[in-house]
Protein backbone atom coordinates (compact mmCIF):
# COMPACT_ATOMS: atom_id res chain seq x y z
CA MET A 1 10.39 -10.08 34.78
CA SER A 2 8.26 -11.23 31.86
CA SER A 3 9.82 -13.27 29.08
CA SER A 4 8.93 -10.61 26.53
CA SER A 5 10.75 -7.78 28.29
CA SER A 6 13.79 -9.99 28.72
CA PHE A 7 14.21 -10.07 24.93
CA VAL A 8 15.17 -6.41 24.96
CA ASN A 9 18.85 -7.01 25.60
CA MET A 10 19.16 -10.28 23.71
CA ALA A 11 22.69 -9.69 22.48
CA THR A 12 22.79 -12.49 19.98
CA ILE A 13 19.64 -11.51 18.19
CA GLY A 14 19.69 -7.74 17.80
CA ASP A 15 16.71 -5.43 17.82
CA PHE A 16 13.60 -6.99 16.41
CA ALA A 17 10.25 -5.27 16.13
CA PRO A 18 7.89 -7.19 13.85
CA HIS A 19 6.16 -3.96 12.75
CA ASN A 20 9.35 -2.34 11.51
CA THR A 21 10.64 -5.06 9.24
CA THR A 22 10.00 -3.84 5.74
CA VAL A 23 8.34 -6.77 4.07
CA PRO A 24 7.59 -5.64 0.52
CA ALA A 25 4.07 -4.42 -0.15
CA THR A 26 2.11 -6.83 -2.28
CA LYS A 27 3.61 -7.86 -5.63
CA VAL A 28 1.69 -7.46 -8.87
CA GLU A 29 2.34 -9.35 -12.09
CA ILE A 30 1.93 -7.30 -15.28
CA THR A 31 1.03 -8.98 -18.58
CA VAL A 32 1.28 -7.06 -21.86
CA SER A 33 -0.50 -7.60 -25.20
CA CYS A 34 -0.74 -5.31 -28.24
CA ARG A 35 -3.11 -5.07 -31.17
CA ASN A 36 -2.58 -3.58 -34.65
CA LEU A 37 1.05 -2.56 -34.22
CA LEU A 38 2.78 -0.65 -37.01
CA ASP A 39 4.35 -2.86 -39.66
CA ARG A 40 7.99 -1.83 -40.05
CA ASP A 41 9.28 -4.86 -41.98
CA THR A 42 9.16 -4.88 -45.77
CA PHE A 43 8.77 -8.59 -46.48
CA SER A 44 7.11 -9.79 -43.26
CA LYS A 45 5.39 -8.41 -40.18
CA SER A 46 7.18 -6.65 -37.28
CA ASP A 47 9.02 -8.65 -34.59
CA PRO A 48 7.91 -6.78 -31.44
CA ILE A 49 9.44 -6.52 -27.98
CA CYS A 50 8.05 -4.45 -25.07
CA VAL A 51 10.37 -2.54 -22.70
CA LEU A 52 9.05 -1.32 -19.34
CA TYR A 53 10.43 1.80 -17.64
CA THR A 54 9.70 2.94 -14.07
CA GLN A 55 10.28 6.37 -12.62
CA GLY A 56 12.16 7.44 -9.49
CA ILE A 57 9.96 9.50 -7.14
CA GLY A 58 12.34 12.38 -6.57
CA ASN A 59 14.27 12.87 -9.76
CA LYS A 60 11.56 11.73 -12.21
CA GLU A 61 14.10 10.03 -14.46
CA TRP A 62 12.98 6.89 -16.29
CA ARG A 63 14.88 3.67 -15.61
CA GLU A 64 14.58 0.49 -17.63
CA PHE A 65 12.84 -2.14 -15.50
CA GLY A 66 12.80 -5.09 -17.90
CA ARG A 67 11.97 -6.46 -21.35
CA THR A 68 9.59 -9.09 -22.64
CA GLU A 69 10.70 -11.72 -25.13
CA VAL A 70 10.66 -10.96 -28.87
CA ILE A 71 7.74 -12.47 -30.80
CA ASP A 72 8.50 -12.95 -34.48
CA ASN A 73 6.30 -11.85 -37.29
CA THR A 74 3.13 -10.51 -35.60
CA LEU A 75 1.29 -7.21 -35.15
CA ASN A 76 -0.85 -8.65 -32.33
CA PRO A 77 1.62 -10.01 -29.77
CA ASP A 78 0.62 -11.57 -26.44
CA PHE A 79 3.89 -11.46 -24.53
CA VAL A 80 4.58 -14.40 -22.23
CA ARG A 81 7.34 -12.88 -20.09
CA LYS A 82 5.73 -10.89 -17.29
CA PHE A 83 6.90 -7.95 -15.18
CA ILE A 84 6.65 -8.33 -11.39
CA LEU A 85 6.38 -5.00 -9.53
CA ASP A 86 6.05 -4.10 -5.85
CA TYR A 87 2.69 -2.35 -5.44
CA PHE A 88 2.04 0.50 -2.99
CA PHE A 89 -1.46 1.99 -2.81
CA GLU A 90 -0.02 5.17 -1.32
CA GLU A 91 2.47 5.95 -4.09
CA ARG A 92 2.04 7.20 -7.63
CA GLN A 93 3.99 4.57 -9.54
CA ASN A 94 4.51 5.86 -13.08
CA LEU A 95 5.11 3.30 -15.83
CA ARG A 96 6.10 3.64 -19.48
CA PHE A 97 5.82 0.86 -22.06
CA ASP A 98 7.94 1.26 -25.22
CA LEU A 99 7.55 -1.08 -28.20
CA TYR A 100 10.27 -1.86 -30.73
CA ASP A 101 10.52 -3.96 -33.86
CA VAL A 102 13.66 -6.04 -33.32
CA ASP A 103 15.88 -6.18 -36.39
CA SER A 104 19.08 -7.75 -35.08
CA LYS A 105 20.65 -9.46 -32.07
CA SER A 106 21.78 -6.11 -30.59
CA THR A 107 20.55 -5.22 -27.06
CA ASN A 108 20.93 -1.52 -27.90
CA LEU A 109 17.40 -0.21 -28.47
CA SER A 110 18.52 2.58 -30.80
CA LYS A 111 19.44 -0.13 -33.32
CA HIS A 112 15.78 -1.20 -33.62
CA ASP A 113 12.65 0.48 -35.03
CA PHE A 114 10.48 2.31 -32.49
CA LEU A 115 6.81 1.20 -32.68
CA GLY A 116 5.23 3.55 -30.11
CA GLN A 117 4.78 4.01 -26.38
CA ALA A 118 2.14 4.40 -23.66
CA CYS A 119 2.34 5.84 -20.13
CA CYS A 120 0.12 5.09 -17.15
CA THR A 121 0.32 4.51 -13.38
CA LEU A 122 0.21 1.12 -11.70
CA GLY A 123 -2.85 2.42 -9.81
CA GLU A 124 -4.61 3.10 -13.12
CA ILE A 125 -4.13 -0.52 -14.22
CA VAL A 126 -5.19 -1.95 -10.87
CA GLY A 127 -8.15 0.46 -10.61
CA SER A 128 -9.50 -0.36 -14.10
CA LEU A 129 -12.39 -2.78 -14.57
CA GLY A 130 -10.99 -6.27 -14.01
CA SER A 131 -7.52 -4.70 -13.57
CA ARG A 132 -7.25 -4.47 -17.36
CA LEU A 133 -6.23 -1.23 -19.04
CA GLU A 134 -6.33 -0.63 -22.79
CA LYS A 135 -4.58 2.46 -24.20
CA PRO A 136 -3.64 3.74 -27.65
CA LEU A 137 0.09 3.66 -28.39
CA GLY A 138 1.52 7.02 -29.44
CA GLY A 139 4.85 8.68 -29.99
CA ILE A 140 5.09 8.62 -33.79
CA PRO A 141 3.54 11.81 -35.21
CA GLY A 142 0.86 11.25 -37.84
CA LYS A 143 0.74 7.46 -37.40
CA LYS A 144 -1.77 5.20 -35.70
CA CYS A 145 0.41 2.90 -33.62
CA GLY A 146 -2.25 0.44 -32.43
CA THR A 147 -3.20 -0.30 -28.82
CA ILE A 148 -1.58 -1.83 -25.75
CA ILE A 149 -3.49 -3.97 -23.25
CA VAL A 150 -1.95 -4.23 -19.78
CA LYS A 151 -3.31 -6.57 -17.10
CA ALA A 152 -2.37 -6.71 -13.43
CA GLU A 153 -2.65 -9.79 -11.23
CA GLU A 154 -1.77 -9.83 -7.56
CA LEU A 155 0.72 -12.62 -6.82
CA ASN A 156 -0.92 -15.22 -4.65
CA ASN A 157 1.96 -16.02 -2.36
CA CYS A 158 1.82 -12.43 -1.12
CA ARG A 159 -1.41 -13.00 0.68
CA GLU A 160 -0.93 -16.43 2.18
CA SER A 161 -0.27 -16.71 5.88
CA VAL A 162 0.76 -19.94 7.50
CA MET A 163 -0.05 -21.21 10.99
CA MET A 164 2.63 -23.52 12.41
CA GLN A 165 3.32 -25.26 15.69
CA PHE A 166 6.55 -26.89 16.86
CA CYS A 167 7.69 -28.98 19.81
CA GLY A 168 11.18 -29.91 21.05
CA ASN A 169 12.50 -33.21 22.32
CA LYS A 170 15.49 -34.00 24.54
CA LEU A 171 17.05 -30.56 24.04
CA ASP A 172 20.43 -29.97 25.70
CA LYS A 173 20.32 -29.02 29.37
CA LYS A 174 21.97 -25.60 29.70
CA ASP A 175 21.01 -24.46 33.19
CA PHE A 176 23.06 -25.48 36.21
CA PHE A 177 19.95 -25.76 38.37
CA GLY A 178 16.91 -27.19 36.63
CA LYS A 179 16.38 -27.75 32.94
CA SER A 180 16.58 -25.33 29.98
CA ASP A 181 14.10 -22.54 29.12
CA PRO A 182 13.99 -22.97 25.33
CA PHE A 183 12.70 -20.68 22.59
CA LEU A 184 13.06 -20.67 18.77
CA VAL A 185 14.19 -17.88 16.43
CA PHE A 186 13.32 -18.05 12.72
CA TYR A 187 15.31 -16.34 9.93
CA ARG A 188 14.57 -15.99 6.23
CA SER A 189 17.54 -15.96 3.87
CA ASN A 190 18.08 -12.99 1.57
CA GLU A 191 19.27 -12.95 -2.05
CA ASP A 192 22.80 -12.08 -0.89
CA GLY A 193 23.11 -15.01 1.51
CA THR A 194 22.49 -12.98 4.69
CA PHE A 195 19.66 -13.79 7.12
CA THR A 196 16.82 -11.60 8.43
CA ILE A 197 14.96 -12.46 11.63
CA CYS A 198 11.26 -13.00 10.98
CA HIS A 199 9.78 -14.69 14.05
CA LYS A 200 10.55 -15.55 17.66
CA THR A 201 8.52 -17.97 19.78
CA GLU A 202 7.71 -17.49 23.44
CA VAL A 203 9.96 -19.06 26.10
CA VAL A 204 8.77 -22.35 27.64
CA LYS A 205 10.21 -22.55 31.14
CA ASN A 206 12.14 -25.41 32.73
CA THR A 207 11.76 -28.24 30.22
CA LEU A 208 13.83 -30.16 27.67
CA ASN A 209 10.63 -31.19 25.82
CA PRO A 210 8.85 -27.89 25.12
CA VAL A 211 5.63 -27.48 23.13
CA TRP A 212 5.52 -23.93 21.75
CA GLN A 213 2.29 -22.13 20.95
CA ALA A 214 1.11 -22.14 17.35
CA PHE A 215 1.94 -18.88 15.52
CA LYS A 216 0.82 -17.23 12.29
CA ILE A 217 3.23 -15.54 9.87
CA PRO A 218 2.80 -14.12 6.33
CA VAL A 219 4.48 -16.38 3.78
CA ARG A 220 6.36 -13.44 2.31
CA ALA A 221 7.85 -12.65 5.74
CA LEU A 222 8.97 -16.27 6.05
CA CYS A 223 10.50 -16.76 2.60
CA ASN A 224 9.60 -13.69 0.48
CA GLY A 225 7.36 -15.91 -1.62
CA ASP A 226 10.22 -18.25 -2.65
CA TYR A 227 9.23 -21.73 -1.46
CA ASP A 228 12.72 -23.21 -1.83
CA ARG A 229 14.63 -20.48 -0.02
CA THR A 230 16.44 -21.56 3.16
CA ILE A 231 14.73 -20.90 6.48
CA LYS A 232 17.15 -21.09 9.40
CA VAL A 233 15.90 -21.86 12.91
CA GLU A 234 18.04 -21.35 16.02
CA VAL A 235 17.23 -22.86 19.43
CA TYR A 236 18.19 -20.89 22.54
CA ASP A 237 18.01 -21.34 26.28
CA TRP A 238 16.62 -18.11 27.76
CA ASP A 239 18.64 -16.41 30.51
CA ARG A 240 17.40 -13.55 32.66
CA ASP A 241 20.49 -11.41 31.99
CA GLY A 242 20.01 -11.58 28.23
CA SER A 243 23.05 -13.78 27.55
CA HIS A 244 20.91 -16.54 26.08
CA ASP A 245 22.71 -19.83 25.52
CA PHE A 246 22.81 -21.26 22.00
CA ILE A 247 21.52 -24.85 22.01
CA GLY A 248 21.77 -25.51 18.27
CA GLU A 249 20.20 -24.87 14.87
CA PHE A 250 18.60 -26.52 11.83
CA SER A 251 17.58 -25.45 8.34
CA THR A 252 14.45 -26.07 6.32
CA SER A 253 12.38 -24.42 3.59
CA TYR A 254 8.73 -23.51 3.09
CA ARG A 255 8.37 -26.43 0.67
CA GLU A 256 9.66 -28.91 3.27
CA LEU A 257 7.49 -27.47 6.03
CA SER A 258 4.43 -27.58 3.79
CA ARG A 259 4.52 -31.40 3.88
CA GLY A 260 3.07 -30.98 7.37
CA GLN A 261 3.54 -33.41 10.25
CA SER A 262 5.64 -36.30 8.92
CA GLN A 263 9.00 -37.99 9.34
CA PHE A 264 10.44 -35.32 7.00
CA ASN A 265 9.66 -32.61 9.53
CA VAL A 266 11.60 -33.90 12.51
CA TYR A 267 14.80 -31.87 12.64
CA GLU A 268 18.03 -32.64 14.45
CA VAL A 269 19.25 -29.61 16.37
CA ILE A 270 22.98 -29.31 15.71
CA ASN A 271 25.54 -27.25 17.63
CA PRO A 272 28.49 -26.92 15.19
CA LYS A 273 30.99 -26.22 18.00
CA LYS A 274 30.06 -29.39 19.86
CA LYS A 275 30.02 -31.37 16.64
CA GLY A 276 33.60 -30.25 15.92
CA LYS A 277 34.86 -31.15 19.40
CA LYS A 278 33.10 -34.41 20.24
CA LYS A 279 33.47 -37.49 18.07
CA LYS A 280 30.38 -39.19 19.48
CA TYR A 281 28.16 -36.10 19.24
CA LEU A 282 24.83 -36.90 17.60
CA ASN A 283 22.70 -33.83 18.19
CA SER A 284 21.43 -31.42 20.83
CA GLY A 285 17.88 -32.77 20.64
CA THR A 286 15.19 -32.60 17.95
CA VAL A 287 12.48 -30.15 16.95
CA THR A 288 9.29 -31.47 15.34
CA LEU A 289 6.68 -29.67 13.27
CA LEU A 290 3.26 -30.52 14.77
CA SER A 291 0.99 -28.68 12.36
CA PHE A 292 1.06 -26.54 9.23
CA LEU A 293 -2.04 -24.69 7.94
CA VAL A 294 -2.19 -22.21 5.06
CA ASP A 295 -4.65 -19.35 5.23
CA ILE A 296 -5.35 -17.02 2.27
CA GLU A 297 -6.16 -13.46 3.31
CA VAL A 298 -8.36 -11.34 1.10
CA THR A 299 -6.58 -8.12 0.24
CA PHE A 300 -7.47 -4.55 -0.63
CA LEU A 301 -6.79 -5.35 -4.30
CA ASP A 302 -9.34 -8.20 -4.27
CA TYR A 303 -12.07 -5.66 -3.50
CA ILE A 304 -10.82 -3.14 -6.06
CA LYS A 305 -10.68 -5.89 -8.66
CA GLY A 306 -14.23 -6.96 -7.75
CA GLY A 307 -15.39 -3.44 -8.59
CA THR A 308 -15.46 -1.59 -5.25
CA GLN A 309 -15.20 2.14 -6.02
CA ILE A 310 -13.36 4.64 -3.86
CA ASN A 311 -15.23 7.95 -3.75
CA PHE A 312 -13.06 10.94 -3.00
CA THR A 313 -14.45 14.17 -1.49
CA VAL A 314 -12.44 17.31 -0.72
CA ALA A 315 -13.27 19.89 1.96
CA ILE A 316 -11.29 23.13 2.15
CA ASP A 317 -11.02 25.54 5.08
CA PHE A 318 -12.11 29.07 4.09
CA THR A 319 -11.86 30.66 7.55
CA ALA A 320 -10.35 34.08 8.14
CA SER A 321 -7.46 32.67 10.19
CA ASN A 322 -5.89 31.62 6.84
CA GLY A 323 -5.17 35.30 6.09
CA ASN A 324 -6.36 37.55 3.25
CA PRO A 325 -5.91 35.63 -0.05
CA ALA A 326 -4.68 38.81 -1.73
CA GLN A 327 -1.64 38.92 0.58
CA PRO A 328 1.45 36.72 -0.07
CA THR A 329 1.44 35.74 3.66
CA SER A 330 -1.99 34.09 3.29
CA LEU A 331 -2.21 30.29 3.15
CA HIS A 332 -4.73 30.84 0.32
CA TYR A 333 -2.49 33.24 -1.64
CA MET A 334 -2.69 32.55 -5.38
CA SER A 335 0.81 33.03 -6.74
CA PRO A 336 1.19 32.93 -10.52
CA TYR A 337 4.41 30.95 -10.02
CA GLN A 338 3.57 28.09 -7.69
CA LEU A 339 0.72 26.30 -5.95
CA ASN A 340 -0.12 27.31 -2.37
CA ALA A 341 -0.12 24.70 0.41
CA TYR A 342 -3.82 23.92 -0.15
CA GLY A 343 -3.26 23.33 -3.86
CA MET A 344 -0.18 21.20 -3.27
CA ALA A 345 -1.81 18.95 -0.66
CA LEU A 346 -4.95 18.56 -2.77
CA LYS A 347 -3.00 17.58 -5.87
CA ALA A 348 -0.62 15.21 -4.04
CA VAL A 349 -3.39 13.14 -2.46
CA GLY A 350 -6.00 13.52 -5.22
CA GLU A 351 -3.78 12.40 -8.08
CA ILE A 352 -3.28 9.02 -6.42
CA ILE A 353 -6.86 8.43 -5.26
CA GLN A 354 -8.36 9.38 -8.64
CA ASP A 355 -7.00 6.16 -10.17
CA TYR A 356 -9.51 4.20 -8.04
CA ASP A 357 -12.58 6.27 -8.94
CA SER A 358 -14.02 5.27 -12.32
CA ASP A 359 -15.99 8.44 -13.15
CA LYS A 360 -13.29 10.88 -11.88
CA MET A 361 -16.05 13.21 -10.63
CA PHE A 362 -15.23 14.58 -7.18
CA PRO A 363 -17.50 16.57 -4.84
CA ALA A 364 -15.52 19.59 -3.58
CA LEU A 365 -16.77 21.50 -0.53
CA GLY A 366 -15.70 24.55 1.42
CA PHE A 367 -16.43 25.58 5.00
CA GLY A 368 -16.22 28.73 7.11
CA ALA A 369 -16.92 31.41 4.45
CA LYS A 370 -19.58 34.06 3.79
CA LEU A 371 -21.25 33.32 0.47
CA PRO A 372 -22.57 35.74 -2.13
CA PRO A 373 -25.03 37.32 -2.69
CA ASP A 374 -26.28 37.80 0.90
CA GLY A 375 -23.18 37.01 2.94
CA ARG A 376 -24.61 34.03 4.86
CA VAL A 377 -21.97 31.87 6.59
CA SER A 378 -21.76 28.28 5.32
CA HIS A 379 -19.96 25.22 6.67
CA GLU A 380 -20.60 23.03 3.64
CA PHE A 381 -20.81 24.89 0.34
CA ALA A 382 -20.05 23.61 -3.16
CA LEU A 383 -16.81 25.08 -4.51
CA ASN A 384 -18.29 25.14 -8.01
CA GLY A 385 -21.25 27.22 -6.75
CA ASN A 386 -23.78 24.48 -7.52
CA PRO A 387 -25.19 22.96 -4.28
CA GLN A 388 -27.32 20.46 -6.27
CA ASN A 389 -24.25 19.15 -8.10
CA PRO A 390 -20.98 19.83 -6.24
CA TYR A 391 -19.04 17.42 -8.51
CA CYS A 392 -15.90 18.63 -10.30
CA ASN A 393 -14.28 16.89 -13.25
CA GLY A 394 -10.99 15.36 -12.11
CA ILE A 395 -8.44 16.89 -9.75
CA ASP A 396 -7.90 19.73 -12.25
CA GLY A 397 -11.62 20.54 -12.02
CA VAL A 398 -11.38 20.66 -8.22
CA MET A 399 -8.38 23.02 -8.42
CA GLU A 400 -10.25 25.28 -10.83
CA ALA A 401 -13.35 25.40 -8.59
CA TYR A 402 -11.13 26.17 -5.57
CA TYR A 403 -9.53 29.14 -7.36
CA GLN A 404 -12.91 30.44 -8.58
CA SER A 405 -14.49 30.29 -5.13
CA LEU A 406 -11.54 32.14 -3.56
CA LYS A 407 -12.46 35.04 -5.84
CA SER A 408 -16.16 35.05 -4.88
CA VAL A 409 -16.50 34.13 -1.19
CA GLN A 410 -15.36 36.04 1.90
CA LEU A 411 -13.17 34.16 4.40
CA TYR A 412 -14.93 34.12 7.76
CA GLY A 413 -15.46 31.52 10.50
CA PRO A 414 -15.75 29.64 12.80
CA THR A 415 -13.90 26.41 11.81
CA ASN A 416 -16.52 23.65 11.95
CA PHE A 417 -15.57 20.19 10.68
CA SER A 418 -18.71 18.26 11.62
CA PRO A 419 -20.95 19.51 8.74
CA VAL A 420 -18.59 18.22 5.99
CA ILE A 421 -17.98 14.95 7.87
CA ASN A 422 -21.75 14.45 8.22
CA HIS A 423 -22.19 15.36 4.53
CA VAL A 424 -19.96 12.45 3.42
CA ALA A 425 -21.36 10.17 6.16
CA ARG A 426 -24.88 10.58 4.71
CA TYR A 427 -23.65 9.17 1.40
CA ALA A 428 -21.61 6.42 3.09
CA ALA A 429 -24.63 5.37 5.18
CA SER A 430 -26.64 4.74 2.03
CA VAL A 431 -24.22 2.14 0.56
CA LYS A 432 -23.02 -0.32 3.15
CA ASP A 433 -22.82 -3.35 0.84
CA GLY A 434 -19.08 -2.97 0.15
CA SER A 435 -19.56 -1.61 -3.39
CA GLN A 436 -18.30 1.85 -2.38
CA TYR A 437 -15.88 3.33 0.13
CA PHE A 438 -15.58 7.05 0.86
CA VAL A 439 -12.45 9.07 1.57
CA LEU A 440 -12.82 12.66 2.81
CA LEU A 441 -9.78 14.93 2.57
CA ILE A 442 -10.03 17.96 4.88
CA ILE A 443 -7.35 20.63 4.39
CA THR A 444 -7.32 23.13 7.25
CA ASP A 445 -5.21 25.65 9.15
CA GLY A 446 -6.21 23.62 12.17
CA VAL A 447 -7.94 26.00 14.60
CA ILE A 448 -11.11 23.93 15.18
CA SER A 449 -14.22 25.43 16.83
CA ASP A 450 -16.61 22.46 17.09
CA MET A 451 -14.41 19.80 18.70
CA ALA A 452 -17.25 18.06 20.60
CA GLN A 453 -19.52 17.83 17.53
CA THR A 454 -16.59 16.70 15.35
CA LYS A 455 -15.74 13.89 17.77
CA GLU A 456 -19.39 12.83 17.78
CA SER A 457 -19.43 12.86 13.94
CA ILE A 458 -16.23 10.76 13.76
CA VAL A 459 -17.50 8.19 16.30
CA ASN A 460 -20.72 7.89 14.24
CA ALA A 461 -18.76 7.65 10.96
CA SER A 462 -16.42 4.96 12.32
CA CYS A 463 -19.05 2.29 11.60
CA LEU A 464 -19.52 3.50 8.00
CA PRO A 465 -17.44 2.71 4.88
CA MET A 466 -15.35 5.89 5.13
CA SER A 467 -11.96 7.29 6.11
CA ILE A 468 -10.96 10.88 6.86
CA ILE A 469 -7.61 12.43 5.98
CA ILE A 470 -6.73 15.76 7.59
CA VAL A 471 -3.82 17.81 6.26
CA GLY A 472 -2.94 20.72 8.53
CA VAL A 473 -1.38 23.73 6.75
CA GLY A 474 0.30 26.75 8.32
CA PRO A 475 2.13 27.31 11.60
CA ALA A 476 -0.63 26.54 14.17
CA GLU A 477 -0.38 24.01 16.99
CA PHE A 478 -2.26 20.95 15.82
CA ASP A 479 -2.92 19.29 19.19
CA ALA A 480 -6.65 18.95 18.44
CA MET A 481 -5.91 17.23 15.11
CA ILE A 482 -3.55 14.77 16.79
CA GLU A 483 -6.33 13.91 19.25
CA LEU A 484 -8.75 13.31 16.35
CA ASP A 485 -6.20 11.01 14.67
CA GLY A 486 -6.76 8.45 17.43
CA ASP A 487 -3.48 6.58 16.90
CA GLU A 488 -2.45 7.01 20.54
CA VAL A 489 -5.88 7.05 22.21
CA ARG A 490 -9.00 5.80 20.45
CA ILE A 491 -11.36 8.76 19.97
CA SER A 492 -14.58 8.85 22.01
CA SER A 493 -17.66 11.02 22.38
CA ARG A 494 -20.01 11.00 25.39
CA GLY A 495 -18.60 7.68 26.57
CA ARG A 496 -18.88 5.94 23.16
CA TYR A 497 -15.62 4.89 21.54
CA ALA A 498 -15.03 4.87 17.78
CA GLU A 499 -15.47 1.36 16.39
CA ARG A 500 -12.22 1.70 14.39
CA ASP A 501 -9.61 4.37 13.71
CA ILE A 502 -10.70 6.23 10.58
CA VAL A 503 -8.74 9.50 10.85
CA GLN A 504 -5.22 10.12 9.62
CA PHE A 505 -3.64 13.55 10.30
CA VAL A 506 -0.39 15.00 8.95
CA PRO A 507 1.03 18.53 9.28
CA PHE A 508 1.94 19.93 5.87
CA ARG A 509 4.97 21.77 7.28
CA ASP A 510 6.73 18.46 7.99
CA TYR A 511 6.91 17.96 4.22
CA ILE A 512 8.09 21.34 3.01
CA ASP A 513 11.39 20.50 1.40
CA ARG A 514 14.09 23.03 2.26
CA THR A 515 15.83 22.24 -1.02
CA GLY A 516 12.72 23.19 -2.97
CA ASN A 517 12.14 19.66 -4.31
CA HIS A 518 8.34 19.80 -4.05
CA ILE A 519 7.84 16.66 -6.11
CA LEU A 520 9.61 14.44 -3.60
CA SER A 521 8.09 16.13 -0.55
CA MET A 522 4.55 15.87 -1.94
CA ALA A 523 5.11 12.19 -2.80
CA ARG A 524 6.11 11.63 0.85
CA LEU A 525 3.05 13.54 2.06
CA ALA A 526 0.70 11.42 -0.08
CA LYS A 527 2.47 8.24 1.04
CA ASP A 528 2.01 9.05 4.72
CA VAL A 529 -1.64 10.11 4.53
CA LEU A 530 -2.73 7.25 2.29
CA ALA A 531 -0.70 4.45 3.87
CA GLU A 532 -3.42 3.62 6.45
CA ILE A 533 -6.35 3.59 4.00
CA PRO A 534 -6.07 -0.04 2.79
CA ASP A 535 -6.08 -1.33 6.39
CA GLN A 536 -8.96 0.98 7.42
CA PHE A 537 -10.84 -0.23 4.33
CA LEU A 538 -10.18 -3.91 5.16
CA SER A 539 -11.16 -3.50 8.82
CA TYR A 540 -14.57 -2.18 7.70
CA MET A 541 -15.12 -5.00 5.18
CA ARG A 542 -13.96 -7.76 7.55
CA THR A 543 -16.02 -6.67 10.55
CA ARG A 544 -19.09 -6.55 8.28
CA GLY A 545 -18.31 -9.95 6.77
CA ILE A 546 -18.28 -8.41 3.26
CA LYS A 547 -16.39 -10.57 0.78
CA PRO A 548 -14.91 -9.17 -2.43
CA LEU A 549 -16.97 -9.77 -5.55
CA PRO A 550 -15.40 -11.99 -8.20
CA ALA A 551 -13.53 -10.04 -10.86
CA PRO A 552 -15.54 -9.55 -14.06
CA PRO A 553 -14.74 -12.05 -16.85
CA PRO A 554 -11.88 -11.05 -19.17
CA TYR A 555 -13.05 -8.72 -21.90
CA THR A 556 -13.25 -10.11 -25.45
CA PRO A 557 -13.89 -7.50 -28.16
CA PRO A 558 -16.96 -8.38 -30.24
CA GLY A 559 -16.27 -10.25 -33.45
CA GLN A 560 -12.64 -11.07 -32.65
CA PRO A 561 -11.50 -14.68 -32.72
CA LEU A 562 -10.03 -15.86 -29.44
CA GLN A 563 -6.85 -17.46 -30.70
CA THR A 564 -3.66 -15.46 -30.18
CA GLN A 565 -0.63 -15.31 -32.38
CA ILE A 566 2.53 -16.61 -30.81
């Protein structure tokens, strides 16, 4: 029985799967400045404060997230107090900044003068040049309220990993025959005083002086970025039946460990029960830190900040199996009251990705239809009717082109994916320097006709800077799509395996909310299809040795002095 399978019934430790522990996504620090605010005070300038609101995904209600300090007597504040937000690429995180002129000590905002507000998404800030977004403040009819400047900075301790190695010395003998089989379990402490398991070493058999293998762990998994937070380490003797014996424990912190190998990092292993019973009890052995190395990982946001653009292309299935668009049963039915499944999926995914595309011009393609005037069948036609320039302006432009083409083309067949995949691959092949990454969204009813060619296209595309998202709509069996996804078995064609997994498939029907809350269900859909993109993106950049470019220098408007008013 291997030591790893023996952990399954480790009663004292509970279920632990490293992949399932929800370590927060990266954290982003938001800094706010304003220029030319309204002057609401008669004898002096305004005394501004900025209040940040965030929005719940499902109910859309705004909740106050935090407030900056008040800066007296200025119309151009640079606030010092920052907002720290969890950042998720795959979610649309709406933010609202309200400005007030503070007139008294009251915390009630209605007692102060409103100076204006601005709304944006966290993705918009992060996706702007240098992660710096400038917007006009509005909200007071007929008045110019000045501008707000919002900057985002990824917190460094979110991307550090640390490599550590420990050894034990003279640990207590727990086995009747032979010595102990020791292993270590690490816990990070939570805000509420509870502990969460974050790492477990391997078992070293039959020794009281074990040397465990070095291991690597993200700093935020070890201490959530708080260097002084307690880290608790328990020492166990492994037993085949899962009733592992407790040898003892010690506590430390990231800051202590970061001193590296030294007399400070030799820990006495204490068993509180023994300590209580025996007067002469010293310890149950010692554990020593042998090495401590910090490694900074480059992240998805480093590339975005350095100017990498994400190009978004949409391909829509116009085959006859979708049903006649004039009939309410059709997947392409255009109801005056609500979007069809194609429209909903397109909007859910597109509205998030568009924040990372500076020109907001998206090529939109269709496949499987007969085109006017001569009725030829096409597997990659421009939805806007212009093959030379298939670009649509924003997600709304894509929606408009989709509706127009439904009126002019005839649904036909077969369902061929490879032409649209090859279409995007041609663009991706021409820019392999890391400055651009391509995401193709295919929305389909899932009955695919060119499986062999599609697999070949995906295997070829897996070495290009691109990812493919497939949303399956309608009631069909999507076995072929699941095979293309490659999560279970890496996709191959004629004996060649894909270099990396670039396809993510989800069935739309899994997200249809029985209660009719489309907003929440579409947010979940977008989250699930986009969640893999940052890792797919990083795997391409890392295997090619492409480093992120440095962020552009901070923008200084021409002719403005650099000093800020405090």
